[in-house]
N, C-alpha and C. Protein backbone atom coordinates (compact mmCIF):
# COMPACT_ATOMS: atom_id res chain seq x y z
N MET A 1 0.85 -1.19 0.00
CA MET A 1 0.00 0.00 0.00
C MET A 1 0.89 1.24 0.00
N LYS A 2 0.55 2.18 -0.86
CA LYS A 2 1.36 3.39 -0.96
C LYS A 2 0.96 4.39 0.11
N LYS A 3 1.95 5.15 0.52
CA LYS A 3 1.75 6.18 1.54
C LYS A 3 0.86 7.30 0.98
N PRO A 4 -0.05 7.85 1.82
CA PRO A 4 -0.89 8.94 1.33
C PRO A 4 -0.07 10.19 1.04
N LEU A 5 -0.60 11.01 0.19
CA LEU A 5 0.05 12.26 -0.19
C LEU A 5 0.06 13.23 0.99
N THR A 6 1.21 13.83 1.24
CA THR A 6 1.32 14.83 2.31
C THR A 6 1.71 16.15 1.66
N LEU A 7 0.69 16.93 1.27
CA LEU A 7 0.88 18.16 0.52
C LEU A 7 0.00 19.26 1.10
N LYS A 8 0.63 20.36 1.47
CA LYS A 8 -0.09 21.51 2.01
C LYS A 8 0.33 22.75 1.24
N THR A 9 -0.32 23.86 1.54
CA THR A 9 0.05 25.15 0.96
C THR A 9 0.30 26.14 2.09
N PHE A 10 1.00 27.23 1.76
CA PHE A 10 1.25 28.27 2.75
C PHE A 10 1.44 29.61 2.06
N GLN A 11 1.27 30.66 2.82
CA GLN A 11 1.59 32.00 2.33
C GLN A 11 3.01 32.31 2.76
N VAL A 12 3.82 32.75 1.81
CA VAL A 12 5.21 33.09 2.10
C VAL A 12 5.24 34.14 3.21
N THR A 13 6.12 33.96 4.14
CA THR A 13 6.37 34.74 5.37
C THR A 13 5.39 34.39 6.49
N ALA A 14 4.38 33.56 6.25
CA ALA A 14 3.50 33.12 7.34
C ALA A 14 4.31 32.20 8.26
N PRO A 15 4.02 32.22 9.53
CA PRO A 15 4.75 31.34 10.46
C PRO A 15 4.61 29.88 10.04
N ARG A 16 5.65 29.15 10.23
CA ARG A 16 5.65 27.72 9.92
C ARG A 16 4.62 27.01 10.79
N ARG A 17 3.87 26.07 10.18
CA ARG A 17 2.89 25.28 10.91
C ARG A 17 3.39 23.84 11.05
N ARG A 18 2.91 23.20 12.06
CA ARG A 18 3.27 21.81 12.31
C ARG A 18 2.87 20.94 11.11
N GLY A 19 3.76 20.06 10.68
CA GLY A 19 3.46 19.13 9.61
C GLY A 19 3.65 19.67 8.20
N GLU A 20 4.13 20.91 8.07
CA GLU A 20 4.33 21.47 6.73
C GLU A 20 5.46 20.78 5.97
N GLY A 21 6.43 20.31 6.66
CA GLY A 21 7.57 19.68 6.00
C GLY A 21 8.39 20.70 5.24
N LEU A 22 8.95 20.27 4.13
CA LEU A 22 9.77 21.14 3.29
C LEU A 22 8.89 22.21 2.65
N ARG A 23 9.23 23.48 2.87
CA ARG A 23 8.46 24.60 2.29
C ARG A 23 9.09 24.99 0.96
N ILE A 24 8.31 24.85 -0.10
CA ILE A 24 8.79 25.10 -1.46
C ILE A 24 8.12 26.37 -1.99
N GLY A 25 8.94 27.34 -2.35
CA GLY A 25 8.42 28.59 -2.90
C GLY A 25 8.11 28.43 -4.38
N ALA A 26 6.84 28.53 -4.73
CA ALA A 26 6.39 28.40 -6.13
C ALA A 26 6.10 29.79 -6.68
N THR A 27 7.10 30.66 -6.59
CA THR A 27 6.95 32.04 -7.02
C THR A 27 7.85 32.32 -8.21
N ARG A 28 7.45 33.24 -9.05
CA ARG A 28 8.25 33.59 -10.23
C ARG A 28 9.53 34.31 -9.81
N ARG A 29 9.43 35.13 -8.76
CA ARG A 29 10.60 35.91 -8.32
C ARG A 29 10.95 35.56 -6.89
N SER A 30 12.23 35.59 -6.61
CA SER A 30 12.68 35.37 -5.24
C SER A 30 12.36 36.61 -4.41
N PRO A 31 12.39 36.48 -3.08
CA PRO A 31 12.08 37.64 -2.24
C PRO A 31 13.06 38.78 -2.50
N ARG A 32 12.54 39.93 -2.84
CA ARG A 32 13.38 41.09 -3.16
C ARG A 32 14.15 41.56 -1.93
N GLY A 33 15.46 41.66 -2.11
CA GLY A 33 16.32 42.19 -1.06
C GLY A 33 16.61 41.25 0.10
N VAL A 34 16.18 39.99 -0.03
CA VAL A 34 16.41 39.03 1.05
C VAL A 34 17.46 38.03 0.60
N PRO A 35 18.60 37.97 1.29
CA PRO A 35 19.63 37.00 0.90
C PRO A 35 19.12 35.56 1.06
N ARG A 36 19.59 34.70 0.21
CA ARG A 36 19.19 33.29 0.23
C ARG A 36 19.38 32.66 1.61
N ALA A 37 20.42 33.06 2.30
CA ALA A 37 20.72 32.50 3.62
C ALA A 37 19.59 32.79 4.63
N ARG A 38 18.75 33.79 4.37
CA ARG A 38 17.69 34.15 5.31
C ARG A 38 16.31 33.63 4.89
N TRP A 39 16.19 33.00 3.75
CA TRP A 39 14.88 32.54 3.28
C TRP A 39 14.18 31.65 4.30
N THR A 40 14.87 30.63 4.80
CA THR A 40 14.26 29.72 5.77
C THR A 40 14.05 30.41 7.11
N ARG A 41 15.08 31.05 7.61
CA ARG A 41 15.02 31.68 8.92
C ARG A 41 13.91 32.73 9.01
N ASP A 42 13.71 33.49 7.94
CA ASP A 42 12.71 34.55 7.95
C ASP A 42 11.32 34.10 7.50
N GLY A 43 11.14 32.79 7.27
CA GLY A 43 9.82 32.25 6.97
C GLY A 43 9.37 32.34 5.53
N TYR A 44 10.30 32.56 4.62
CA TYR A 44 9.91 32.61 3.21
C TYR A 44 9.66 31.20 2.70
N PHE A 45 10.70 30.43 2.54
CA PHE A 45 10.61 29.04 2.12
C PHE A 45 11.98 28.41 2.29
N ASP A 46 12.01 27.07 2.20
CA ASP A 46 13.27 26.35 2.32
C ASP A 46 13.97 26.27 0.97
N VAL A 47 13.17 26.13 -0.09
CA VAL A 47 13.68 25.99 -1.44
C VAL A 47 12.83 26.84 -2.37
N TRP A 48 13.48 27.54 -3.26
CA TRP A 48 12.76 28.32 -4.28
C TRP A 48 12.71 27.49 -5.54
N PHE A 49 11.50 27.30 -6.12
CA PHE A 49 11.30 26.41 -7.27
C PHE A 49 10.46 27.14 -8.32
N PRO A 50 11.03 28.15 -8.98
CA PRO A 50 10.24 28.98 -9.89
C PRO A 50 9.74 28.27 -11.14
N ILE A 51 10.24 27.08 -11.42
CA ILE A 51 9.82 26.36 -12.63
C ILE A 51 8.32 26.01 -12.59
N VAL A 52 7.74 25.95 -11.39
CA VAL A 52 6.31 25.63 -11.28
C VAL A 52 5.45 26.88 -11.04
N ALA A 53 6.06 28.04 -11.11
CA ALA A 53 5.31 29.30 -10.99
C ALA A 53 4.76 29.68 -12.37
N PRO A 54 3.72 30.49 -12.40
CA PRO A 54 3.24 30.97 -13.70
C PRO A 54 4.35 31.71 -14.44
N SER A 55 4.38 31.59 -15.75
CA SER A 55 5.41 32.26 -16.54
C SER A 55 5.29 33.77 -16.40
N ALA A 56 6.37 34.46 -16.67
CA ALA A 56 6.38 35.92 -16.62
C ALA A 56 5.36 36.48 -17.62
N THR A 57 5.24 35.85 -18.77
CA THR A 57 4.28 36.29 -19.79
C THR A 57 2.85 36.18 -19.26
N LEU A 58 2.53 35.06 -18.64
CA LEU A 58 1.19 34.86 -18.10
C LEU A 58 0.91 35.86 -16.97
N LEU A 59 1.88 36.09 -16.13
CA LEU A 59 1.70 37.05 -15.04
C LEU A 59 1.49 38.47 -15.57
N ARG A 60 2.26 38.84 -16.58
CA ARG A 60 2.09 40.18 -17.19
C ARG A 60 0.69 40.33 -17.78
N ARG A 61 0.26 39.31 -18.50
CA ARG A 61 -1.06 39.35 -19.13
C ARG A 61 -2.16 39.44 -18.07
N ALA A 62 -2.00 38.70 -16.99
CA ALA A 62 -3.00 38.71 -15.92
C ALA A 62 -3.01 40.03 -15.17
N SER A 63 -1.85 40.64 -15.01
CA SER A 63 -1.80 41.88 -14.23
C SER A 63 -2.42 43.05 -14.98
N ARG A 64 -2.55 42.94 -16.29
CA ARG A 64 -3.19 44.00 -17.07
C ARG A 64 -4.70 44.00 -16.91
N ARG A 65 -5.23 42.91 -16.44
CA ARG A 65 -6.68 42.78 -16.29
C ARG A 65 -7.06 42.81 -14.82
N ASP A 66 -8.35 42.90 -14.60
CA ASP A 66 -8.84 42.89 -13.22
C ASP A 66 -8.85 41.46 -12.71
N GLY A 67 -7.85 41.12 -11.90
CA GLY A 67 -7.71 39.77 -11.38
C GLY A 67 -8.78 39.36 -10.39
N GLU A 68 -9.56 40.32 -9.91
CA GLU A 68 -10.63 40.00 -8.96
C GLU A 68 -11.85 39.42 -9.67
N GLU A 69 -11.97 39.65 -10.95
CA GLU A 69 -13.13 39.16 -11.69
C GLU A 69 -13.02 37.65 -11.89
N PRO A 70 -14.05 36.89 -11.48
CA PRO A 70 -13.98 35.42 -11.56
C PRO A 70 -13.66 34.88 -12.96
N ALA A 71 -14.22 35.46 -14.00
CA ALA A 71 -13.96 34.96 -15.36
C ALA A 71 -12.49 35.15 -15.73
N VAL A 72 -11.91 36.26 -15.34
CA VAL A 72 -10.49 36.52 -15.62
C VAL A 72 -9.63 35.52 -14.86
N ARG A 73 -9.97 35.29 -13.61
CA ARG A 73 -9.22 34.33 -12.80
C ARG A 73 -9.30 32.93 -13.38
N ARG A 74 -10.50 32.53 -13.82
CA ARG A 74 -10.65 31.19 -14.42
C ARG A 74 -9.78 31.04 -15.67
N ARG A 75 -9.75 32.08 -16.50
CA ARG A 75 -8.89 32.03 -17.70
C ARG A 75 -7.42 31.92 -17.32
N PHE A 76 -7.02 32.69 -16.32
CA PHE A 76 -5.64 32.64 -15.83
C PHE A 76 -5.31 31.23 -15.33
N PHE A 77 -6.20 30.66 -14.51
CA PHE A 77 -5.97 29.32 -13.96
C PHE A 77 -5.87 28.27 -15.07
N ARG A 78 -6.73 28.37 -16.07
CA ARG A 78 -6.67 27.40 -17.19
C ARG A 78 -5.36 27.54 -17.96
N ALA A 79 -4.94 28.77 -18.21
CA ALA A 79 -3.67 29.00 -18.92
C ALA A 79 -2.49 28.48 -18.09
N TYR A 80 -2.55 28.69 -16.79
CA TYR A 80 -1.48 28.20 -15.91
C TYR A 80 -1.44 26.68 -15.91
N GLU A 81 -2.60 26.06 -15.86
CA GLU A 81 -2.65 24.60 -15.89
C GLU A 81 -2.07 24.06 -17.20
N ARG A 82 -2.32 24.75 -18.31
CA ARG A 82 -1.71 24.34 -19.59
C ARG A 82 -0.19 24.45 -19.51
N GLU A 83 0.31 25.52 -18.88
CA GLU A 83 1.77 25.66 -18.73
C GLU A 83 2.35 24.50 -17.93
N LEU A 84 1.64 24.09 -16.89
CA LEU A 84 2.14 22.99 -16.05
C LEU A 84 2.11 21.64 -16.76
N SER A 85 1.35 21.54 -17.84
CA SER A 85 1.25 20.27 -18.55
C SER A 85 2.37 20.06 -19.57
N LYS A 86 3.22 21.07 -19.75
CA LYS A 86 4.30 20.99 -20.74
C LYS A 86 5.66 20.93 -20.05
N PRO A 87 6.61 20.20 -20.67
CA PRO A 87 7.96 20.18 -20.10
C PRO A 87 8.56 21.58 -20.14
N PRO A 88 9.40 21.95 -19.24
CA PRO A 88 9.91 21.17 -18.10
C PRO A 88 9.02 21.22 -16.87
N ALA A 89 7.99 22.07 -16.84
CA ALA A 89 7.13 22.16 -15.65
C ALA A 89 6.46 20.82 -15.35
N ARG A 90 6.06 20.09 -16.38
CA ARG A 90 5.40 18.80 -16.17
C ARG A 90 6.32 17.85 -15.39
N HIS A 91 7.60 17.88 -15.71
CA HIS A 91 8.56 17.02 -15.00
C HIS A 91 8.73 17.47 -13.55
N ALA A 92 8.71 18.77 -13.34
CA ALA A 92 8.83 19.31 -11.98
C ALA A 92 7.61 18.93 -11.14
N VAL A 93 6.43 18.96 -11.75
CA VAL A 93 5.21 18.54 -11.06
C VAL A 93 5.32 17.06 -10.67
N GLY A 94 5.85 16.24 -11.56
CA GLY A 94 6.05 14.83 -11.24
C GLY A 94 7.00 14.64 -10.07
N LEU A 95 8.04 15.44 -10.02
CA LEU A 95 8.98 15.39 -8.90
C LEU A 95 8.27 15.77 -7.60
N LEU A 96 7.50 16.84 -7.62
CA LEU A 96 6.79 17.28 -6.41
C LEU A 96 5.78 16.22 -5.96
N ALA A 97 5.10 15.57 -6.90
CA ALA A 97 4.15 14.52 -6.55
C ALA A 97 4.88 13.35 -5.89
N ALA A 98 6.02 12.97 -6.44
CA ALA A 98 6.80 11.88 -5.85
C ALA A 98 7.31 12.24 -4.46
N LEU A 99 7.76 13.47 -4.30
CA LEU A 99 8.21 13.92 -2.97
C LEU A 99 7.07 13.88 -1.97
N ALA A 100 5.90 14.38 -2.36
CA ALA A 100 4.75 14.46 -1.46
C ALA A 100 4.24 13.07 -1.07
N ARG A 101 4.51 12.06 -1.89
CA ARG A 101 4.14 10.69 -1.52
C ARG A 101 5.08 10.12 -0.47
N ARG A 102 6.27 10.71 -0.34
CA ARG A 102 7.28 10.15 0.56
C ARG A 102 7.53 10.98 1.81
N THR A 103 7.29 12.29 1.72
CA THR A 103 7.59 13.18 2.85
C THR A 103 6.68 14.40 2.78
N PRO A 104 6.39 15.02 3.91
CA PRO A 104 5.54 16.21 3.88
C PRO A 104 6.21 17.37 3.13
N ILE A 105 5.45 17.99 2.23
CA ILE A 105 5.91 19.21 1.56
C ILE A 105 4.77 20.21 1.54
N SER A 106 5.14 21.47 1.41
CA SER A 106 4.17 22.55 1.28
C SER A 106 4.62 23.47 0.17
N ILE A 107 3.68 23.94 -0.61
CA ILE A 107 3.98 24.88 -1.69
C ILE A 107 3.41 26.24 -1.32
N GLY A 108 4.21 27.28 -1.58
CA GLY A 108 3.79 28.59 -1.14
C GLY A 108 3.98 29.69 -2.16
N CYS A 109 3.25 30.77 -1.92
CA CYS A 109 3.28 31.96 -2.75
C CYS A 109 3.02 33.16 -1.84
N TYR A 110 3.19 34.35 -2.40
CA TYR A 110 2.98 35.58 -1.63
C TYR A 110 1.51 35.93 -1.42
N CYS A 111 0.61 35.42 -2.24
CA CYS A 111 -0.81 35.79 -2.19
C CYS A 111 -1.44 35.44 -0.84
N SER A 112 -2.30 36.32 -0.36
CA SER A 112 -2.97 36.06 0.92
C SER A 112 -4.20 35.17 0.75
N ASP A 113 -4.88 35.27 -0.38
CA ASP A 113 -6.09 34.49 -0.63
C ASP A 113 -5.76 33.30 -1.52
N GLU A 114 -5.67 32.13 -0.91
CA GLU A 114 -5.29 30.94 -1.67
C GLU A 114 -6.26 30.62 -2.80
N SER A 115 -7.54 30.89 -2.61
CA SER A 115 -8.51 30.55 -3.66
C SER A 115 -8.31 31.39 -4.92
N ALA A 116 -7.65 32.53 -4.79
CA ALA A 116 -7.38 33.39 -5.94
C ALA A 116 -5.93 33.29 -6.38
N CYS A 117 -5.22 32.31 -5.86
CA CYS A 117 -3.77 32.17 -6.09
C CYS A 117 -3.46 30.93 -6.92
N HIS A 118 -2.40 31.02 -7.69
CA HIS A 118 -1.99 29.88 -8.52
C HIS A 118 -1.62 28.66 -7.69
N ARG A 119 -1.27 28.84 -6.42
CA ARG A 119 -0.87 27.67 -5.62
C ARG A 119 -2.03 26.70 -5.44
N SER A 120 -3.28 27.18 -5.48
CA SER A 120 -4.42 26.27 -5.39
C SER A 120 -4.48 25.36 -6.62
N VAL A 121 -4.17 25.91 -7.77
CA VAL A 121 -4.13 25.13 -9.01
C VAL A 121 -2.96 24.17 -8.99
N LEU A 122 -1.80 24.65 -8.57
CA LEU A 122 -0.61 23.80 -8.50
C LEU A 122 -0.85 22.61 -7.58
N LYS A 123 -1.47 22.84 -6.44
CA LYS A 123 -1.76 21.75 -5.51
C LYS A 123 -2.65 20.71 -6.17
N LYS A 124 -3.69 21.17 -6.85
CA LYS A 124 -4.61 20.26 -7.53
C LYS A 124 -3.89 19.44 -8.61
N VAL A 125 -3.00 20.08 -9.37
CA VAL A 125 -2.26 19.40 -10.44
C VAL A 125 -1.30 18.37 -9.83
N ILE A 126 -0.63 18.72 -8.75
CA ILE A 126 0.28 17.77 -8.08
C ILE A 126 -0.51 16.57 -7.56
N GLU A 127 -1.66 16.83 -6.94
CA GLU A 127 -2.49 15.73 -6.42
C GLU A 127 -2.94 14.81 -7.55
N ARG A 128 -3.33 15.40 -8.67
CA ARG A 128 -3.76 14.61 -9.82
C ARG A 128 -2.60 13.76 -10.35
N GLU A 129 -1.41 14.34 -10.42
CA GLU A 129 -0.22 13.62 -10.89
C GLU A 129 0.11 12.47 -9.94
N ALA A 130 -0.01 12.69 -8.64
CA ALA A 130 0.28 11.65 -7.67
C ALA A 130 -0.71 10.50 -7.81
N LEU A 131 -1.95 10.82 -8.08
CA LEU A 131 -2.98 9.79 -8.27
C LEU A 131 -2.69 8.97 -9.53
N LYS A 132 -2.29 9.66 -10.60
CA LYS A 132 -1.94 8.94 -11.84
C LYS A 132 -0.78 7.99 -11.60
N ALA A 133 0.20 8.43 -10.84
CA ALA A 133 1.37 7.59 -10.57
C ALA A 133 1.00 6.36 -9.76
N ARG A 134 -0.01 6.48 -8.90
CA ARG A 134 -0.45 5.32 -8.11
C ARG A 134 -1.16 4.30 -8.98
N ILE A 135 -1.95 4.81 -9.93
CA ILE A 135 -2.72 3.92 -10.81
C ILE A 135 -1.82 3.26 -11.83
N GLY A 136 -0.89 4.08 -12.42
CA GLY A 136 -0.05 3.62 -13.51
C GLY A 136 1.06 2.73 -13.13
């Protein structure tokens, strides 16, 4: 029997919670003005993994529109999911799914509202990939 998936999300700089495991930053940009040596200590993340963040092009396109509008957000999420389905992001998602099957991990972003953040989509895609790996 395979171990259940241990995958959570977090907001970057939020205090670490019990059971989060390895905190992976799924952001396009690293924290501005914060040296890498302080990322973990200051609550940003343990590892920065921008390959699973939305592309700069997608972020630029989304920032030109009203991101609060549900239809705009749905289009952004669909476009982001398409990006995650192509290499090299697809391979990175597979790695995260494999990690989450073996050890607790958390994926994080700067957004305060997870339901309006790409990390909610990333979590869903990782969970789907982990399920495929169990079946296949």
